[in-house]
Amino acid sequence: MALADADHKHSNQHTAEKPKDAVEHSEVIFQAIGVIVGEVNISSSGEKTITINGSTYQFFYIPRKVREFELLAKEIETTGNHTQRLLVYPRVMHFPRKEQPYQISFQLLAFDRGQERDVYLRKLKDFEFHLSGLWQFIPVCRFPCISIFRNFSFERLEYIKQAEPMTKVQYMKASHLPILWKDALVEPFKFNPKAEQDQGYPMFVSIKAKFIPQKNVFSFDALLSLPQETLPRFLKVSKRLFEKF
């Protein structure tokens, strides 16, 4: 099977059949969600961007959120107000060379219509994110990252079994969010491929962070819970399948 659900040795170089201390039933999950505010522009060609403090980012939506996007577009058209408050998932694209800057984009979940019906729009401040994932360095980023994997469910597992290889890779691809975290309680894990001894494992962390568009990075603000060795179950592409694409 071309996936794992997954293990402590979960850097991009490793995969295994089952986690050593996986949480079978827990509220602990991989998560990256937050609120951004900026000038939303939707071009006639369909390009969607949001400009935050002079920095412009792409944003997108998945098919089941098309109605939310249509309402957002209608809101802008009707009011003429392009400054919008959006609930989003952050996405980061890294490149093979560490010197090449990564690109951040945002996946639209909802926008603030003033009624604050969504619980996250109510409780999150502007540019505040809740991030829960693996605290580690990855080879292609100079910043340590919180790596967000797709949470395991049997429904998702069945979907993956039937999907085409490229779809599997895209569906299970992790998002590695660059983090500024001075004096972190635990050091970010850094895998050494040349080391022969056991190197330990990344810790699972849950933090509140601020998005800093001037630096194009997320900055630690507060702990949501203490770092832990126990992981939620998650889906991960096998190295063999990942390297094909």
Protein backbone atom coordinates (compact mmCIF):
# COMPACT_ATOMS: atom_id res chain seq x y z
CA MET A 1 0.00 0.00 0.00
CA ALA A 2 1.38 3.41 -0.97
CA LEU A 3 0.68 5.18 2.29
CA ALA A 4 1.19 4.98 6.00
CA ASP A 5 -1.01 6.18 8.80
CA ALA A 6 1.81 6.98 10.09
CA ASP A 7 4.81 6.79 12.40
CA HIS A 8 7.25 8.65 14.56
CA LYS A 9 9.84 8.46 11.81
CA HIS A 10 7.82 10.78 9.69
CA SER A 11 10.19 13.15 7.99
CA ASN A 12 9.86 13.23 4.20
CA GLN A 13 12.51 10.54 4.04
CA HIS A 14 10.74 7.91 6.12
CA THR A 15 7.44 6.08 6.41
CA ALA A 16 6.19 3.08 8.36
CA GLU A 17 3.15 0.91 8.77
CA LYS A 18 1.84 2.19 12.10
CA PRO A 19 2.79 4.78 14.73
CA LYS A 20 4.35 3.55 17.92
CA ASP A 21 2.14 5.68 20.15
CA ALA A 22 -0.70 6.69 17.84
CA VAL A 23 -3.76 8.20 19.42
CA GLU A 24 -6.73 6.08 18.41
CA HIS A 25 -9.47 8.33 19.73
CA SER A 26 -8.50 11.81 20.80
CA GLU A 27 -9.28 15.45 20.30
CA VAL A 28 -5.61 15.94 19.45
CA ILE A 29 -5.42 16.47 15.68
CA PHE A 30 -3.20 17.99 13.06
CA GLN A 31 -4.51 21.46 12.38
CA ALA A 32 -3.63 24.78 10.77
CA ILE A 33 -6.39 27.37 10.73
CA GLY A 34 -6.46 31.12 11.13
CA VAL A 35 -7.82 34.54 10.19
CA ILE A 36 -6.33 37.03 7.73
CA VAL A 37 -7.51 40.50 6.76
CA GLY A 38 -6.62 42.20 3.51
CA GLU A 39 -7.71 43.56 0.16
CA VAL A 40 -9.32 40.82 -1.88
CA ASN A 41 -9.12 41.05 -5.66
CA ILE A 42 -10.76 38.71 -8.15
CA SER A 43 -9.64 39.32 -11.72
CA SER A 44 -11.75 38.80 -14.82
CA SER A 45 -9.54 35.82 -15.64
CA GLY A 46 -10.40 34.24 -12.30
CA GLU A 47 -7.15 34.94 -10.44
CA LYS A 48 -7.80 35.40 -6.73
CA THR A 49 -5.41 37.33 -4.49
CA ILE A 50 -5.39 39.00 -1.10
CA THR A 51 -2.98 41.84 -0.33
CA ILE A 52 -1.87 42.15 3.28
CA ASN A 53 0.30 45.10 4.31
CA GLY A 54 1.71 45.39 0.80
CA SER A 55 2.33 41.66 0.31
CA THR A 56 0.12 39.79 -2.16
CA TYR A 57 -0.89 36.15 -1.72
CA GLN A 58 -2.87 33.73 -3.83
CA PHE A 59 -6.00 32.25 -2.30
CA PHE A 60 -8.17 29.42 -3.54
CA TYR A 61 -11.09 27.22 -2.55
CA ILE A 62 -12.06 23.58 -2.92
CA PRO A 63 -15.28 22.59 -4.75
CA ARG A 64 -17.41 22.24 -1.64
CA LYS A 65 -16.59 25.86 -0.74
CA VAL A 66 -17.63 27.32 -4.09
CA ARG A 67 -20.80 28.75 -2.54
CA GLU A 68 -18.77 30.57 0.10
CA PHE A 69 -16.54 32.05 -2.59
CA GLU A 70 -19.56 33.15 -4.64
CA LEU A 71 -21.00 34.90 -1.58
CA LEU A 72 -17.66 36.62 -0.96
CA ALA A 73 -17.48 37.80 -4.58
CA LYS A 74 -21.08 39.05 -4.37
CA GLU A 75 -20.32 40.88 -1.12
CA ILE A 76 -17.42 42.73 -2.75
CA GLU A 77 -19.44 43.51 -5.88
CA THR A 78 -22.42 44.81 -3.89
CA THR A 79 -20.59 46.86 -1.26
CA GLY A 80 -17.47 47.82 -3.18
CA ASN A 81 -15.51 46.89 -0.05
CA HIS A 82 -12.49 44.80 -0.99
CA THR A 83 -11.12 44.66 2.56
CA GLN A 84 -12.33 41.36 3.92
CA ARG A 85 -11.72 39.15 6.95
CA LEU A 86 -11.20 35.53 5.89
CA LEU A 87 -10.99 32.24 7.74
CA VAL A 88 -8.35 30.16 5.98
CA TYR A 89 -6.07 27.17 5.92
CA PRO A 90 -2.47 28.22 5.19
CA ARG A 91 -0.62 26.35 2.46
CA VAL A 92 3.13 26.48 1.80
CA MET A 93 4.99 25.41 -1.33
CA HIS A 94 8.69 24.68 -0.83
CA PHE A 95 11.22 24.25 -3.60
CA PRO A 96 14.21 21.88 -3.96
CA ARG A 97 16.79 24.60 -3.33
CA LYS A 98 16.77 26.02 0.19
CA GLU A 99 17.80 29.43 -1.20
CA GLN A 100 14.63 29.65 -3.29
CA PRO A 101 11.90 31.37 -1.26
CA TYR A 102 8.88 29.28 -0.34
CA GLN A 103 5.43 30.51 -1.36
CA ILE A 104 2.51 30.90 1.03
CA SER A 105 -1.10 30.76 -0.15
CA PHE A 106 -4.42 30.44 1.63
CA GLN A 107 -7.41 28.15 1.24
CA LEU A 108 -10.72 29.92 1.81
CA LEU A 109 -13.05 28.45 4.42
CA ALA A 110 -15.36 31.35 5.25
CA PHE A 111 -15.52 35.13 5.34
CA ASP A 112 -16.74 37.42 8.09
CA ARG A 113 -20.20 38.76 7.28
CA GLY A 114 -20.48 40.59 10.57
CA GLN A 115 -22.57 37.85 12.14
CA GLU A 116 -19.54 35.75 13.14
CA ARG A 117 -21.44 32.49 12.83
CA ASP A 118 -18.26 30.45 12.57
CA VAL A 119 -16.70 29.59 15.92
CA TYR A 120 -13.17 30.30 14.67
CA LEU A 121 -14.13 33.69 13.24
CA ARG A 122 -15.50 34.51 16.69
CA LYS A 123 -12.55 33.37 18.78
CA LEU A 124 -9.53 34.09 16.55
CA LYS A 125 -8.07 37.57 16.33
CA ASP A 126 -6.84 39.05 13.06
CA PHE A 127 -3.75 37.17 11.79
CA GLU A 128 -4.02 34.63 14.60
CA PHE A 129 -3.51 30.96 13.74
CA HIS A 130 -3.86 27.73 15.68
CA LEU A 131 -1.17 25.31 14.53
CA SER A 132 -0.82 21.68 15.64
CA GLY A 133 1.75 19.40 14.08
CA LEU A 134 5.29 18.03 14.06
CA TRP A 135 8.05 20.42 15.14
CA GLN A 136 11.01 19.81 12.84
CA PHE A 137 13.42 21.05 10.24
CA ILE A 138 12.91 19.99 6.65
CA PRO A 139 15.82 19.94 4.18
CA VAL A 140 14.46 22.68 1.90
CA CYS A 141 13.68 25.39 4.47
CA ARG A 142 16.04 27.46 6.61
CA PHE A 143 13.34 27.96 9.24
CA PRO A 144 12.09 25.16 11.48
CA CYS A 145 8.56 24.14 10.55
CA ILE A 146 5.38 22.79 12.03
CA SER A 147 4.41 20.01 9.64
CA ILE A 148 0.69 19.51 9.15
CA PHE A 149 -0.38 16.09 7.87
CA ARG A 150 -3.86 14.94 6.90
CA ASN A 151 -5.64 13.35 9.86
CA PHE A 152 -6.49 9.69 9.54
CA SER A 153 -10.02 8.37 9.10
CA PHE A 154 -11.26 5.12 7.61
CA GLU A 155 -13.32 7.08 5.06
CA ARG A 156 -10.18 8.87 3.88
CA LEU A 157 -8.27 5.60 3.79
CA GLU A 158 -10.90 4.06 1.50
CA TYR A 159 -10.78 7.12 -0.75
CA ILE A 160 -6.99 6.89 -1.00
CA LYS A 161 -7.07 3.19 -1.85
CA GLN A 162 -9.18 3.95 -4.91
CA ALA A 163 -7.42 7.15 -6.02
CA GLU A 164 -4.93 7.55 -8.83
CA PRO A 165 -1.26 7.85 -7.78
CA MET A 166 -1.02 11.61 -8.46
CA THR A 167 -4.24 12.20 -6.54
CA LYS A 168 -2.84 10.24 -3.61
CA VAL A 169 0.29 12.38 -3.52
CA GLN A 170 -1.62 15.65 -3.66
CA TYR A 171 -4.23 14.55 -1.13
CA MET A 172 -1.71 13.40 1.48
CA LYS A 173 0.94 16.04 0.88
CA ALA A 174 1.94 17.73 4.14
CA SER A 175 2.12 21.49 4.59
CA HIS A 176 5.29 22.63 6.33
CA LEU A 177 4.71 26.03 7.94
CA PRO A 178 7.85 28.08 8.71
CA ILE A 179 7.90 29.23 12.33
CA LEU A 180 9.83 31.83 14.31
CA TRP A 181 9.89 30.42 17.85
CA LYS A 182 12.56 31.81 20.13
CA ASP A 183 13.30 29.79 23.26
CA ALA A 184 10.99 26.94 22.26
CA LEU A 185 10.32 24.41 25.02
CA VAL A 186 11.69 21.66 22.79
CA GLU A 187 14.21 21.82 19.98
CA PRO A 188 12.91 21.19 16.46
CA PHE A 189 13.90 17.73 15.27
CA LYS A 190 16.59 17.66 12.59
CA PHE A 191 17.12 14.40 10.74
CA ASN A 192 20.66 13.44 9.84
CA PRO A 193 20.67 10.85 7.01
CA LYS A 194 24.29 9.95 7.77
CA ALA A 195 23.78 9.18 11.44
CA GLU A 196 23.70 5.52 12.37
CA GLN A 197 22.33 5.82 15.91
CA ASP A 198 18.73 6.44 16.88
CA GLN A 199 18.09 10.17 16.53
CA GLY A 200 14.80 10.36 18.37
CA TYR A 201 11.60 11.78 16.92
CA PRO A 202 9.88 15.12 16.32
CA MET A 203 7.53 16.32 19.03
CA PHE A 204 3.87 17.11 18.42
CA VAL A 205 3.22 20.76 19.33
CA SER A 206 0.10 22.93 19.48
CA ILE A 207 0.63 26.68 19.42
CA LYS A 208 -1.05 29.98 18.81
CA ALA A 209 0.91 31.92 16.18
CA LYS A 210 0.75 35.25 14.38
CA PHE A 211 1.17 35.54 10.63
CA ILE A 212 3.81 38.18 9.85
CA PRO A 213 3.42 39.20 6.18
CA GLN A 214 6.43 41.55 6.35
CA LYS A 215 8.62 38.49 6.99
CA ASN A 216 6.42 35.96 5.22
CA VAL A 217 6.50 33.67 8.24
CA PHE A 218 4.48 32.59 11.27
CA SER A 219 5.63 33.70 14.72
CA PHE A 220 5.03 31.87 18.00
CA ASP A 221 2.65 33.63 20.36
CA ALA A 222 1.56 31.10 23.01
CA LEU A 223 1.26 27.40 23.76
CA LEU A 224 -2.15 25.80 23.34
CA SER A 225 -0.91 22.65 25.08
CA LEU A 226 2.39 21.16 26.18
CA PRO A 227 4.55 19.41 23.54
CA GLN A 228 4.00 15.65 23.48
CA GLU A 229 5.53 12.52 22.00
CA THR A 230 2.17 10.87 21.31
CA LEU A 231 0.84 11.56 17.82
CA PRO A 232 -2.61 11.53 16.27
CA ARG A 233 -2.93 9.04 13.44
CA PHE A 234 -2.32 10.56 10.04
CA LEU A 235 -1.98 9.75 6.37
CA LYS A 236 1.40 10.01 4.68
CA VAL A 237 2.71 9.32 1.21
CA SER A 238 5.30 6.58 0.98
CA LYS A 239 8.75 7.67 -0.12
CA ARG A 240 8.55 5.42 -3.21
CA LEU A 241 5.34 7.02 -4.46
CA PHE A 242 6.39 10.55 -3.46
CA GLU A 243 9.59 10.37 -5.52
CA LYS A 244 7.65 9.48 -8.68
CA PHE A 245 6.17 12.96 -8.73
